[in-house]
């Protein structure tokens, strides 16, 4: 049978904008000594440069839709739908982690340039079957066949991109803060033992956002509170740590290429 798509939110991604509210160009990434003494536009610019220079990052957090919408494949997403993500991604397109969608189930993902492996729970596959308007008997068959198994999909198959959409939505490392029109410092604190300066900002769309930026070592963004159509809190860690893309054992894998022709419809 052909696999369906997951009801993923369109998620705002990672670091402060490459351009500050005043239009200052982004400088090269530098250590953040005295970062909290700089003008706020320079704080955002330096952190944006540091995040953009990353080859990989680990992103965790929960985002919720604040209005009804649709995913890239047209699946309706109701206001209040939340997505919990725990993903390690890099600029080569590698990805590993889990996405949990309220009312839709949980999906684990391992993605490389050649293959995508996904492992959905029973709720996930039941939802996929429901999207396909399957009968109860067909739905149970789908759950029985796929739940608790890894499914291998070559990236040449369009379904691979649909199933790993969350990974692609994390990769723009300088999206948050790019539209800030007003920003100010909002105090200092510690996150996991690292000193940070908080920057609160308002976007051109009137959204209120806050970024917590390391003031010691490289000025990485450690946490962001984002607003807009998808709102919530995101944390960043494991900067430039290689993504573990070790595949599951063949004995745990169902190869989709053996079930449907490559490129078959979703």
Protein backbone atom coordinates (compact mmCIF):
# COMPACT_ATOMS: atom_id res chain seq x y z
CA UNK A 1 0.00 0.00 0.00
CA UNK A 2 1.12 3.58 -0.53
CA UNK A 3 2.11 5.55 2.55
CA UNK A 4 0.29 8.77 3.41
CA UNK A 5 1.66 12.00 4.86
CA UNK A 6 1.96 13.17 8.46
CA UNK A 7 -0.05 16.18 9.62
CA UNK A 8 2.96 18.35 10.32
CA UNK A 9 2.71 22.01 11.23
CA UNK A 10 4.67 24.53 9.22
CA UNK A 11 7.24 25.26 11.91
CA UNK A 12 9.28 28.37 12.48
CA UNK A 13 12.90 27.26 12.63
CA UNK A 14 16.09 28.39 14.35
CA UNK A 15 18.35 31.40 15.08
CA UNK A 16 18.10 35.19 15.20
CA UNK A 17 17.90 36.97 11.86
CA UNK A 18 20.85 37.56 9.60
CA UNK A 19 19.71 41.16 9.41
CA UNK A 20 18.80 43.27 12.45
CA UNK A 21 15.78 45.52 12.79
CA UNK A 22 17.92 48.50 11.78
CA UNK A 23 19.21 46.74 8.65
CA UNK A 24 22.74 46.12 9.92
CA UNK A 25 24.57 43.47 7.87
CA UNK A 26 25.49 40.25 9.65
CA UNK A 27 29.14 40.09 10.79
CA UNK A 28 31.22 36.93 10.84
CA UNK A 29 30.59 34.69 13.87
CA UNK A 30 32.87 35.68 16.77
CA UNK A 31 33.21 34.77 20.48
CA UNK A 32 30.60 36.54 22.59
CA UNK A 33 32.76 38.20 25.26
CA UNK A 34 30.84 41.27 26.46
CA UNK A 35 27.91 40.47 24.19
CA UNK A 36 25.38 41.84 26.69
CA UNK A 37 27.13 45.24 26.58
CA UNK A 38 26.52 45.65 22.83
CA UNK A 39 23.56 47.38 21.17
CA UNK A 40 20.69 44.95 20.71
CA UNK A 41 20.91 44.94 16.91
CA UNK A 42 24.54 43.82 17.15
CA UNK A 43 23.59 41.09 19.63
CA UNK A 44 21.04 39.70 17.18
CA UNK A 45 23.42 40.05 14.23
CA UNK A 46 26.30 38.26 15.97
CA UNK A 47 24.07 35.45 17.15
CA UNK A 48 22.52 35.14 13.69
CA UNK A 49 25.99 34.79 12.19
CA UNK A 50 26.95 32.15 14.75
CA UNK A 51 23.81 30.12 14.08
CA UNK A 52 24.20 30.42 10.32
CA UNK A 53 27.78 29.11 10.59
CA UNK A 54 26.61 25.90 12.29
CA UNK A 55 26.83 22.64 10.40
CA UNK A 56 24.41 20.87 12.77
CA UNK A 57 22.14 21.53 15.75
CA UNK A 58 19.74 19.69 18.09
CA UNK A 59 16.29 21.28 18.33
CA UNK A 60 13.64 20.45 20.94
CA UNK A 61 10.37 22.14 21.77
CA UNK A 62 6.62 22.30 21.33
CA UNK A 63 4.81 24.52 18.84
CA UNK A 64 1.05 25.02 18.53
CA UNK A 65 -1.08 26.33 15.68
CA UNK A 66 -2.80 29.53 16.73
CA UNK A 67 -5.17 29.46 13.74
CA UNK A 68 -6.68 26.90 11.37
CA UNK A 69 -4.37 26.09 8.49
CA UNK A 70 -3.02 23.41 6.18
CA UNK A 71 0.23 21.52 5.79
CA UNK A 72 2.26 21.68 2.57
CA UNK A 73 0.33 18.68 1.20
CA UNK A 74 -3.07 20.24 2.00
CA UNK A 75 -3.86 18.31 5.19
CA UNK A 76 -6.06 20.52 7.44
CA UNK A 77 -4.48 21.54 10.75
CA UNK A 78 -6.87 22.87 13.38
CA UNK A 79 -6.07 25.76 15.68
CA UNK A 80 -4.61 24.44 18.92
CA UNK A 81 -2.91 21.45 17.27
CA UNK A 82 0.51 21.02 18.86
CA UNK A 83 3.73 19.43 17.64
CA UNK A 84 6.46 18.26 20.00
CA UNK A 85 9.81 17.85 18.26
CA UNK A 86 13.16 16.42 19.24
CA UNK A 87 15.38 16.53 16.15
CA UNK A 88 19.09 16.67 15.32
CA UNK A 89 19.67 18.11 11.84
CA UNK A 90 22.59 19.22 9.71
CA UNK A 91 23.18 21.17 6.51
CA UNK A 92 23.83 17.98 4.54
CA UNK A 93 20.20 17.01 5.02
CA UNK A 94 20.82 14.36 7.68
CA UNK A 95 18.25 14.16 10.46
CA UNK A 96 17.38 11.96 13.42
CA UNK A 97 14.71 12.31 16.08
CA UNK A 98 11.02 12.20 16.90
CA UNK A 99 7.96 14.28 16.11
CA UNK A 100 4.78 13.91 18.19
CA UNK A 101 1.59 15.48 16.87
CA UNK A 102 -1.35 15.85 19.24
CA UNK A 103 -4.13 13.52 18.16
CA UNK A 104 -2.05 12.13 15.30
CA UNK A 105 0.62 10.00 16.93
CA UNK A 106 4.39 9.84 17.11
CA UNK A 107 6.91 9.39 14.30
CA UNK A 108 10.62 8.61 14.66
CA UNK A 109 12.81 9.61 11.70
CA UNK A 110 16.31 8.76 10.46
CA UNK A 111 17.15 10.63 7.26
CA UNK A 112 20.23 10.62 5.01
CA UNK A 113 20.83 11.75 1.43
CA UNK A 114 19.79 8.33 0.12
CA UNK A 115 17.23 6.92 2.53
CA UNK A 116 14.54 7.87 5.01
CA UNK A 117 13.58 5.45 7.78
CA UNK A 118 10.38 6.18 9.72
CA UNK A 119 8.83 4.38 12.68
CA UNK A 120 5.29 5.41 13.56
CA UNK A 121 3.23 4.27 16.52
CA UNK A 122 -0.23 2.71 16.17
CA UNK A 123 -1.99 6.08 16.44
CA UNK A 124 0.15 7.50 13.64
CA UNK A 125 -0.63 4.66 11.22
CA UNK A 126 -4.31 4.64 12.18
CA UNK A 127 -4.44 8.33 11.29
CA UNK A 128 -2.71 7.66 7.96
CA UNK A 129 -5.31 5.01 7.14
CA UNK A 130 -8.11 7.40 8.11
CA UNK A 131 -6.72 10.06 5.75
CA UNK A 132 -6.95 7.46 2.98
CA UNK A 133 -10.59 6.78 3.97
CA UNK A 134 -9.73 3.14 4.64
CA UNK A 135 -12.30 0.75 6.06
CA UNK A 136 -11.93 -0.39 9.67
CA UNK A 137 -10.58 -3.71 8.44
CA UNK A 138 -8.01 -1.96 6.21
CA UNK A 139 -7.11 0.38 9.05
CA UNK A 140 -6.40 -2.51 11.38
CA UNK A 141 -4.34 -4.18 8.68
CA UNK A 142 -2.21 -1.06 8.22
CA UNK A 143 -1.60 -0.75 11.96
CA UNK A 144 -0.77 -4.44 12.22
CA UNK A 145 1.66 -4.28 9.31
CA UNK A 146 3.54 -1.08 10.09
CA UNK A 147 3.23 -0.11 13.76
CA UNK A 148 6.43 -0.74 15.75
CA UNK A 149 8.39 -1.34 12.53
CA UNK A 150 10.80 0.89 10.67
CA UNK A 151 9.77 1.67 7.09
CA UNK A 152 12.58 2.32 4.60
CA UNK A 153 11.87 4.81 1.80
CA UNK A 154 14.45 5.89 -0.82
CA UNK A 155 14.69 9.68 -1.08
CA UNK A 156 13.87 9.36 -4.79
CA UNK A 157 10.33 8.46 -3.69
CA UNK A 158 8.16 11.58 -3.13
CA UNK A 159 6.76 9.98 0.02
CA UNK A 160 10.19 10.24 1.64
CA UNK A 161 10.00 14.03 1.64
CA UNK A 162 6.45 13.96 2.97
CA UNK A 163 7.40 11.67 5.84
CA UNK A 164 10.54 13.67 6.76
CA UNK A 165 9.02 17.15 6.30
CA UNK A 166 9.76 18.11 9.91
CA UNK A 167 13.49 17.75 9.24
CA UNK A 168 13.34 20.11 6.26
CA UNK A 169 11.40 22.71 8.25
CA UNK A 170 14.13 22.96 10.90
CA UNK A 171 17.09 23.63 8.61
CA UNK A 172 16.90 27.43 7.93
CA UNK A 173 19.10 28.39 10.88
CA UNK A 174 18.55 32.15 10.67
CA UNK A 175 14.77 32.49 10.28
CA UNK A 176 13.68 33.64 13.74
CA UNK A 177 14.14 37.36 14.25
CA UNK A 178 14.60 38.18 10.56
CA UNK A 179 11.44 40.32 10.59
CA UNK A 180 12.05 42.06 13.94
CA UNK A 181 11.20 45.76 13.81
CA UNK A 182 11.59 46.46 17.53
CA UNK A 183 14.00 44.73 19.92
CA UNK A 184 15.32 45.35 23.41
CA UNK A 185 17.34 43.56 26.06
CA UNK A 186 15.26 41.80 28.69
CA UNK A 187 17.80 40.84 31.35
CA UNK A 188 20.40 38.14 31.89
CA UNK A 189 20.13 34.64 33.36
CA UNK A 190 21.52 31.11 33.09
CA UNK A 191 20.43 28.23 30.85
CA UNK A 192 22.03 24.89 31.65
CA UNK A 193 24.81 26.76 33.44
CA UNK A 194 25.54 29.10 30.52
CA UNK A 195 25.14 32.86 30.91
CA UNK A 196 22.60 34.30 28.48
CA UNK A 197 21.11 37.64 27.57
CA UNK A 198 17.42 37.75 26.72
CA UNK A 199 16.26 39.87 23.77
CA UNK A 200 12.56 40.57 23.34
CA UNK A 201 11.42 41.54 19.87
CA UNK A 202 8.33 42.48 17.93
CA UNK A 203 8.05 41.37 14.33
CA UNK A 204 6.60 43.33 11.42
CA UNK A 205 3.46 41.22 11.85
CA UNK A 206 3.12 42.32 15.49
CA UNK A 207 4.26 39.03 16.98
CA UNK A 208 6.10 39.08 20.30
CA UNK A 209 9.20 36.85 20.45
CA UNK A 210 12.09 36.37 22.89
CA UNK A 211 15.57 34.97 22.26
CA UNK A 212 18.06 33.80 24.89
CA UNK A 213 21.60 34.16 23.52
CA UNK A 214 24.83 32.88 25.10
CA UNK A 215 27.11 35.67 26.35
CA UNK A 216 30.09 33.38 26.98
CA UNK A 217 31.90 31.57 24.17
CA UNK A 218 30.15 31.52 20.79
CA UNK A 219 26.89 33.55 20.85
CA UNK A 220 24.60 30.64 20.08
CA UNK A 221 20.86 30.94 20.46
CA UNK A 222 19.97 28.62 23.35
CA UNK A 223 16.22 29.18 23.54
CA UNK A 224 13.50 31.04 21.66
CA UNK A 225 9.90 31.87 22.46
CA UNK A 226 8.20 32.41 19.12
CA UNK A 227 4.81 33.75 18.11
CA UNK A 228 2.69 33.87 14.99
CA UNK A 229 0.65 31.13 13.32
CA UNK A 230 2.84 28.54 15.09
CA UNK A 231 3.81 29.62 18.58
CA UNK A 232 5.80 28.01 21.35
CA UNK A 233 9.22 27.46 22.91
CA UNK A 234 12.26 25.97 21.16
CA UNK A 235 15.62 25.02 22.69
CA UNK A 236 18.91 24.56 20.81
CA UNK A 237 21.91 22.44 21.82
CA UNK A 238 24.62 20.03 20.58
CA UNK A 239 26.02 22.68 18.27
CA UNK A 240 28.08 21.14 15.44
CA UNK A 241 27.68 17.65 16.92
CA UNK A 242 27.49 15.11 14.06
CA UNK A 243 24.03 13.66 13.48
CA UNK A 244 23.82 9.92 14.20
CA UNK A 245 22.34 8.38 11.06
CA UNK A 246 23.05 4.73 11.86
CA UNK A 247 20.15 2.79 10.29
CA UNK A 248 17.99 0.29 12.17
CA UNK A 249 18.76 -3.41 11.81
CA UNK A 250 17.41 -4.94 8.59
CA UNK A 251 15.35 -7.35 10.70
CA UNK A 252 13.37 -4.34 12.01
CA UNK A 253 12.77 -2.78 8.59
CA UNK A 254 9.98 -2.96 6.00
CA UNK A 255 11.33 -1.82 2.61
CA UNK A 256 8.67 0.29 0.90
CA UNK A 257 10.38 -0.29 -2.47
CA UNK A 258 9.29 -3.93 -2.21
CA UNK A 259 5.66 -2.95 -1.57
CA UNK A 260 5.06 -0.15 -4.09
CA UNK A 261 6.91 1.05 -7.19
CA UNK A 262 9.35 3.90 -6.56
CA UNK A 263 7.58 7.23 -7.01
CA UNK A 264 4.12 5.74 -6.49
CA UNK A 265 1.58 8.28 -5.31
CA UNK A 266 0.92 9.07 -1.68
